[in-house]
Protein backbone atom coordinates (compact mmCIF):
# COMPACT_ATOMS: atom_id res chain seq x y z
CA MET A 1 33.40 49.98 -91.63
CA GLU A 2 32.23 48.74 -88.49
CA ALA A 3 28.74 47.39 -90.37
CA SER A 4 30.55 46.07 -93.28
CA GLY A 5 33.13 44.23 -90.73
CA LYS A 6 30.24 42.70 -88.73
CA THR A 7 28.57 41.71 -92.19
CA THR A 8 31.77 40.03 -92.81
CA GLU A 9 31.78 38.17 -89.37
CA GLU A 10 28.28 37.08 -89.71
CA ALA A 11 28.99 35.64 -92.96
CA PRO A 12 31.34 32.96 -91.53
CA MET A 13 28.82 31.97 -89.06
CA THR A 14 26.26 31.33 -91.63
CA THR A 15 28.33 28.96 -93.55
CA PRO A 16 28.90 26.20 -90.98
CA PRO A 17 25.33 25.03 -91.14
CA ALA A 18 25.81 24.64 -94.91
CA ALA A 19 28.32 22.38 -94.50
CA ALA A 20 26.74 20.47 -91.55
CA PRO A 21 24.69 18.01 -93.58
CA THR A 22 27.86 16.28 -94.57
CA PRO A 23 27.34 13.86 -91.78
CA ALA A 24 23.70 12.92 -93.04
CA VAL A 25 25.41 12.19 -96.44
CA GLU A 26 27.68 9.68 -94.85
CA ALA A 27 24.93 8.27 -93.03
CA THR A 28 23.19 7.67 -96.19
CA THR A 29 25.78 5.88 -97.84
CA PRO A 30 24.84 2.83 -98.81
CA THR A 31 28.41 0.88 -98.61
CA ALA A 32 27.33 -1.01 -95.44
CA THR A 33 24.47 -2.32 -97.34
CA ALA A 34 26.20 -2.99 -100.57
CA ALA A 35 29.14 -4.73 -99.10
CA PRO A 36 27.55 -8.16 -98.68
CA ALA A 37 26.55 -8.53 -102.15
CA GLU A 38 30.29 -8.59 -103.53
CA PRO A 39 31.70 -11.44 -101.76
CA GLU A 40 28.53 -13.43 -103.00
CA GLN A 41 29.51 -12.30 -106.93
CA LYS A 42 32.97 -13.41 -106.06
CA LEU A 43 31.96 -16.64 -104.89
CA VAL A 44 29.85 -17.24 -107.70
CA GLY A 45 32.83 -16.17 -110.25
CA LYS A 46 35.24 -18.44 -107.91
CA LYS A 47 32.50 -21.30 -108.47
CA ARG A 48 32.56 -21.13 -112.33
CA ARG A 49 36.01 -20.87 -112.69
CA ARG A 50 36.28 -24.01 -110.56
CA GLU A 51 33.57 -25.93 -112.48
CA ARG A 52 35.34 -24.49 -116.19
CA LYS A 53 38.76 -25.82 -114.94
CA GLN A 54 37.23 -29.02 -113.76
CA ALA A 55 35.61 -29.59 -117.10
CA LEU A 56 38.82 -28.50 -119.09
CA LYS A 57 40.58 -31.31 -117.35
CA LYS A 58 38.30 -34.05 -118.23
CA THR A 59 39.01 -33.19 -121.72
CA GLN A 60 42.69 -32.92 -121.38
CA LEU A 61 44.78 -36.55 -121.77
CA CYS A 62 46.67 -37.93 -118.75
CA ARG A 63 50.34 -37.75 -118.86
CA HIS A 64 50.74 -40.80 -117.33
CA PHE A 65 48.21 -43.37 -119.01
CA ASP A 66 50.41 -44.04 -121.81
CA LYS A 67 53.55 -45.07 -119.50
CA PRO A 68 54.09 -48.80 -119.01
CA THR A 69 53.00 -48.88 -115.50
CA GLY A 70 49.99 -46.77 -116.53
CA CYS A 71 48.47 -43.96 -114.27
CA PRO A 72 49.25 -44.20 -110.65
CA TYR A 73 46.17 -42.13 -109.82
CA PRO A 74 42.86 -44.17 -109.27
CA ASP A 75 40.48 -40.93 -109.35
CA CYS A 76 42.34 -39.39 -112.12
CA VAL A 77 40.18 -36.70 -113.55
CA TYR A 78 42.04 -36.76 -116.83
CA ALA A 79 41.34 -38.83 -119.93
CA HIS A 80 42.75 -41.69 -120.68
CA GLY A 81 42.84 -42.60 -124.36
CA LEU A 82 41.09 -41.69 -127.33
CA ASP A 83 37.49 -43.01 -126.63
CA GLU A 84 37.27 -40.83 -123.46
CA ILE A 85 38.28 -37.66 -125.31
CA GLN A 86 35.32 -38.12 -127.80
CA ASP A 87 33.12 -39.36 -125.41
CA GLY A 88 33.87 -36.08 -123.19
CA GLY A 89 34.34 -33.72 -126.07
CA ALA A 90 37.82 -32.75 -126.39
CA ILE A 91 37.55 -28.77 -126.75
CA THR A 92 41.16 -28.41 -125.70
CA VAL A 93 43.97 -27.58 -128.29
CA SER A 94 46.52 -29.84 -126.76
CA ALA A 95 44.20 -32.79 -126.50
CA GLN A 96 42.94 -32.83 -130.23
CA ARG A 97 46.59 -32.29 -131.36
CA LYS A 98 47.66 -35.51 -129.43
CA LEU A 99 44.64 -37.08 -131.31
CA LEU A 100 45.89 -36.36 -134.53
CA ARG A 101 49.40 -37.38 -133.59
CA GLU A 102 48.40 -40.67 -132.26
CA GLN A 103 46.38 -41.48 -135.40
CA GLY A 104 49.43 -40.33 -137.55
CA ALA A 105 51.59 -43.00 -135.20
CA GLN A 106 48.92 -45.39 -135.85
CA ARG A 107 49.03 -45.06 -139.42
CA GLN A 108 52.72 -45.48 -139.56
CA ASN A 109 52.70 -48.45 -137.48
CA ASP A 110 50.13 -49.78 -140.18
CA LYS A 111 52.44 -49.14 -143.21
CA PHE A 112 54.18 -52.74 -143.05
CA ILE A 113 52.86 -56.02 -142.48
CA VAL A 114 53.88 -58.87 -140.20
CA SER A 115 55.44 -61.86 -142.10
CA THR A 116 57.36 -65.10 -141.48
CA LYS A 117 60.33 -66.11 -143.19
CA ASP A 118 60.49 -69.39 -142.38
CA ALA A 119 58.64 -71.59 -140.58
CA LYS A 120 61.60 -73.13 -138.80
CA ASP A 121 62.49 -69.54 -137.63
CA ALA A 122 60.53 -67.36 -135.04
CA PRO A 123 58.27 -64.95 -136.18
CA VAL A 124 59.99 -61.43 -137.28
CA ALA A 125 58.59 -58.35 -138.27
CA GLU A 126 59.77 -57.35 -141.95
CA TYR A 127 59.42 -54.19 -143.55
CA VAL A 128 58.05 -56.28 -146.44
CA ALA A 129 55.59 -54.24 -148.22
CA ARG A 130 53.49 -51.10 -147.66
CA THR A 131 49.81 -51.44 -146.95
CA GLY A 132 47.36 -49.52 -148.73
CA SER A 133 47.65 -46.08 -150.69
CA MET A 134 49.36 -42.82 -149.85
CA VAL A 135 45.96 -41.65 -148.51
CA ASP A 136 45.89 -44.55 -146.27
CA ARG A 137 49.24 -43.58 -144.77
CA TYR A 138 49.13 -40.01 -144.14
CA TYR A 139 45.36 -39.23 -143.94
CA THR A 140 42.32 -40.05 -141.59
CA ARG A 141 39.60 -40.94 -143.94
CA LEU A 142 36.24 -39.49 -143.07
CA TYR A 143 32.64 -39.36 -144.84
CA ALA A 144 29.54 -37.39 -144.96
CA SER A 145 26.88 -39.65 -146.50
CA ASP A 146 23.27 -38.45 -148.00
CA VAL A 147 24.59 -34.74 -147.65
CA LEU A 148 21.69 -32.55 -146.85
CA GLU A 149 19.20 -35.92 -146.70
CA LYS A 150 19.80 -36.01 -150.40
CA PRO A 151 20.34 -39.81 -151.46
CA PHE A 152 23.85 -41.16 -152.58
CA GLU A 153 25.34 -37.72 -152.48
CA ASP A 154 28.25 -38.65 -150.69
CA GLN A 155 31.54 -36.90 -149.97
CA PHE A 156 34.75 -37.64 -148.29
CA VAL A 157 36.76 -35.58 -145.83
CA ASN A 158 40.51 -36.75 -145.43
CA MET A 159 41.97 -34.93 -142.30
CA HIS A 160 46.34 -34.93 -142.45
CA SER A 161 47.87 -34.88 -139.45
CA ASN A 162 48.67 -31.22 -139.63
CA ARG A 163 44.76 -30.57 -139.43
CA LEU A 164 44.31 -29.63 -143.40
CA CYS A 165 41.36 -31.24 -144.86
CA VAL A 166 41.03 -32.69 -148.69
CA LEU A 167 37.46 -32.63 -149.89
CA GLY A 168 35.89 -34.60 -152.78
CA ILE A 169 33.26 -36.94 -153.57
CA ALA A 170 33.04 -40.48 -152.16
CA PRO A 171 32.74 -43.58 -154.31
CA GLY A 172 29.24 -43.81 -152.96
CA HIS A 173 28.36 -40.80 -154.78
CA ALA A 174 25.33 -40.85 -157.25
CA ILE A 175 28.22 -40.00 -160.07
CA PHE A 176 30.06 -43.38 -159.49
CA LYS A 177 26.77 -45.24 -158.76
CA ASP A 178 25.06 -44.42 -162.15
CA ASN A 179 28.22 -44.29 -164.15
CA LEU A 180 27.75 -40.60 -164.92
CA THR A 181 30.22 -38.67 -167.02
CA VAL A 182 31.51 -35.25 -165.52
CA THR A 183 31.47 -32.56 -168.12
CA LYS A 184 32.31 -29.39 -166.00
CA VAL A 185 32.87 -28.45 -162.52
CA GLU A 186 31.94 -24.64 -161.61
CA PHE A 187 33.21 -23.58 -158.76
CA GLU A 188 31.86 -20.61 -156.72
CA GLN A 189 33.03 -17.18 -157.19
CA SER A 190 33.98 -16.86 -153.50
CA VAL A 191 36.42 -19.89 -154.04
CA LEU A 192 37.66 -18.39 -157.56
CA ASP A 193 38.56 -15.02 -156.02
CA ASN A 194 39.89 -16.76 -152.88
CA LYS A 195 43.28 -15.32 -151.92
CA VAL A 196 45.57 -16.48 -149.11
CA SER A 197 48.76 -14.58 -147.86
CA GLY A 198 51.57 -15.42 -145.58
CA LYS A 199 53.34 -18.62 -144.37
CA LYS A 200 50.56 -19.52 -142.43
CA LYS A 201 47.87 -18.90 -145.61
CA LYS A 202 45.75 -16.71 -143.79
CA GLY A 203 42.73 -14.50 -145.39
CA GLY A 204 41.11 -17.82 -146.84
CA VAL A 205 37.00 -17.91 -147.42
CA TRP A 206 35.55 -19.20 -144.41
CA PHE A 207 33.17 -22.45 -145.13
CA ASN A 208 30.05 -23.53 -143.31
CA PRO A 209 29.08 -26.87 -143.19
CA GLN A 210 26.54 -26.15 -145.79
CA SER A 211 28.72 -23.76 -147.76
CA ILE A 212 28.74 -24.77 -151.58
CA VAL A 213 32.12 -25.07 -152.79
CA CYS A 214 31.29 -26.11 -156.62
CA ARG A 215 28.79 -27.58 -158.62
CA ILE A 216 29.48 -30.66 -160.80
CA VAL A 217 27.85 -31.03 -164.08
CA CYS A 218 27.47 -34.17 -165.79
CA ALA A 219 26.64 -35.39 -169.28
CA ASN A 220 22.89 -35.78 -168.73
CA ASP A 221 22.26 -32.24 -167.85
CA VAL A 222 22.19 -33.15 -163.92
CA THR A 223 23.97 -30.71 -161.61
CA TYR A 224 25.11 -31.80 -158.06
CA SER A 225 26.17 -29.23 -155.38
CA ILE A 226 29.44 -30.02 -153.61
CA ARG A 227 29.39 -28.61 -150.03
CA SER A 228 32.15 -28.21 -147.65
CA CYS A 229 30.74 -30.32 -145.00
CA ILE A 230 32.84 -29.04 -142.12
CA ARG A 231 33.74 -25.62 -140.86
CA GLY A 232 37.08 -24.03 -141.90
CA ALA A 233 38.82 -21.74 -144.02
CA LEU A 234 39.74 -22.36 -147.68
CA ILE A 235 43.30 -23.04 -148.40
CA GLU A 236 43.01 -23.61 -152.13
CA PHE A 237 40.87 -25.39 -154.76
CA ASN A 238 42.12 -27.58 -157.58
CA GLU A 239 42.13 -25.58 -160.58
CA ARG A 240 43.05 -28.50 -162.78
CA LEU A 241 39.22 -29.41 -162.74
CA LEU A 242 38.36 -26.20 -164.95
CA GLU A 243 40.40 -27.72 -167.70
CA THR A 244 40.10 -31.36 -167.15
CA PRO A 245 36.58 -32.04 -164.83
CA GLU A 246 37.09 -35.67 -165.51
CA LEU A 247 39.55 -35.94 -162.77
CA VAL A 248 36.83 -35.94 -160.60
CA THR A 249 35.97 -39.42 -161.17
CA ARG A 250 39.20 -41.02 -162.66
CA LYS A 251 41.20 -39.90 -159.51
CA PRO A 252 38.87 -38.52 -156.96
CA PHE A 253 41.21 -38.96 -153.93
CA THR A 254 44.57 -37.68 -155.56
CA GLU A 255 44.55 -35.45 -158.62
CA GLY A 256 40.63 -34.96 -158.79
CA PHE A 257 40.30 -33.54 -155.21
CA LEU A 258 37.88 -30.38 -154.93
CA ALA A 259 39.54 -28.27 -152.33
CA ILE A 260 41.91 -28.10 -149.35
CA VAL A 261 40.13 -26.78 -146.09
CA ARG A 262 41.73 -25.88 -142.60
CA PRO A 263 39.39 -26.12 -139.62
CA LYS A 264 40.01 -24.50 -136.41
CA PRO A 265 42.17 -26.37 -133.84
CA VAL A 266 39.45 -26.45 -131.43
CA GLU A 267 37.19 -28.29 -133.64
CA VAL A 268 39.36 -31.45 -134.96
CA ALA A 269 37.66 -34.07 -132.64
CA GLU A 270 33.91 -32.35 -133.22
CA ILE A 271 34.55 -32.81 -136.93
CA GLN A 272 35.64 -36.37 -136.65
CA ALA A 273 32.86 -37.30 -134.37
CA SER A 274 30.11 -35.89 -137.05
CA LEU A 275 31.52 -37.68 -139.74
CA LEU A 276 31.36 -41.60 -140.45
CA LYS A 277 34.99 -43.49 -140.20
CA HIS A 278 36.04 -45.24 -143.05
CA ALA A 279 34.88 -48.95 -141.96
CA ASP A 280 31.47 -47.97 -141.36
CA TYR A 281 31.33 -45.85 -144.54
CA VAL A 282 32.29 -49.20 -146.59
CA ALA A 283 30.08 -51.26 -144.30
CA LEU A 284 27.00 -48.78 -145.21
CA ARG A 285 27.66 -48.66 -148.98
CA GLY A 286 28.99 -52.21 -149.13
CA LEU A 287 32.07 -51.18 -151.19
CA THR A 288 34.21 -54.21 -150.75
CA ASP A 289 36.78 -53.44 -153.85
CA PRO A 290 39.58 -51.64 -151.93
CA LYS A 291 40.32 -49.94 -155.62
CA VAL A 292 37.67 -47.47 -155.49
CA PHE A 293 39.40 -45.91 -152.40
CA GLN A 294 42.53 -45.42 -154.55
């Protein structure tokens, strides 16, 4: 019994040395050496966030620039007007919504012409007549010329103030230039199978600028591939063209449109910057007759 008791007493004496190395483990812990690295990473993260925030400010519209007194801050970092937004690359949704609103307001101001009733009276602004067509009043006309470097394969992209884009062939297209007769419009199978659901029309086929929407077949057996020219989701295509393909050339901007595409909100300004404006396209193709745009 005593021998067993001694053994039990010696056993606890041998256990402390096993626990003795614990201070050595504490000494070898790299907490002291790794601590300086964490503040550096935090500083880098703060710097990146600060730069990102600063770049974001440069793409937002100033709240005071459109006031009668103007912006009171001489060193304001916000954008003042559409030119600065486009040059700075508007990437915020709020800035691009403001861009669409200003374009819509400009179209509304251009709806009516200013005339004079009588030479004796002072000039007054009368709601005399509407200027332009329905497309001019509600859409921003944009164009893509020589798509994929193919001569005279021009297309139009009419952007509404709600961001929806109507696609079709432009008056400078080879079909109009050569007075060709359209016999068939063949939509891609993915376009024919397109289905959207809900109030916001979700689930549409996604288009890239090079994605083919349809192929237009002419009487001389020449086929033209019509592409999206923009990034966006397909909302609908013109089913009437399957039975009456001649609408493509007879009423290209209204009943003869090809498809409706909805781009992302953050890509509105980028799309407008990548395409030609109406005045630039008219000067490029020398189209002086306004009837070709109706």
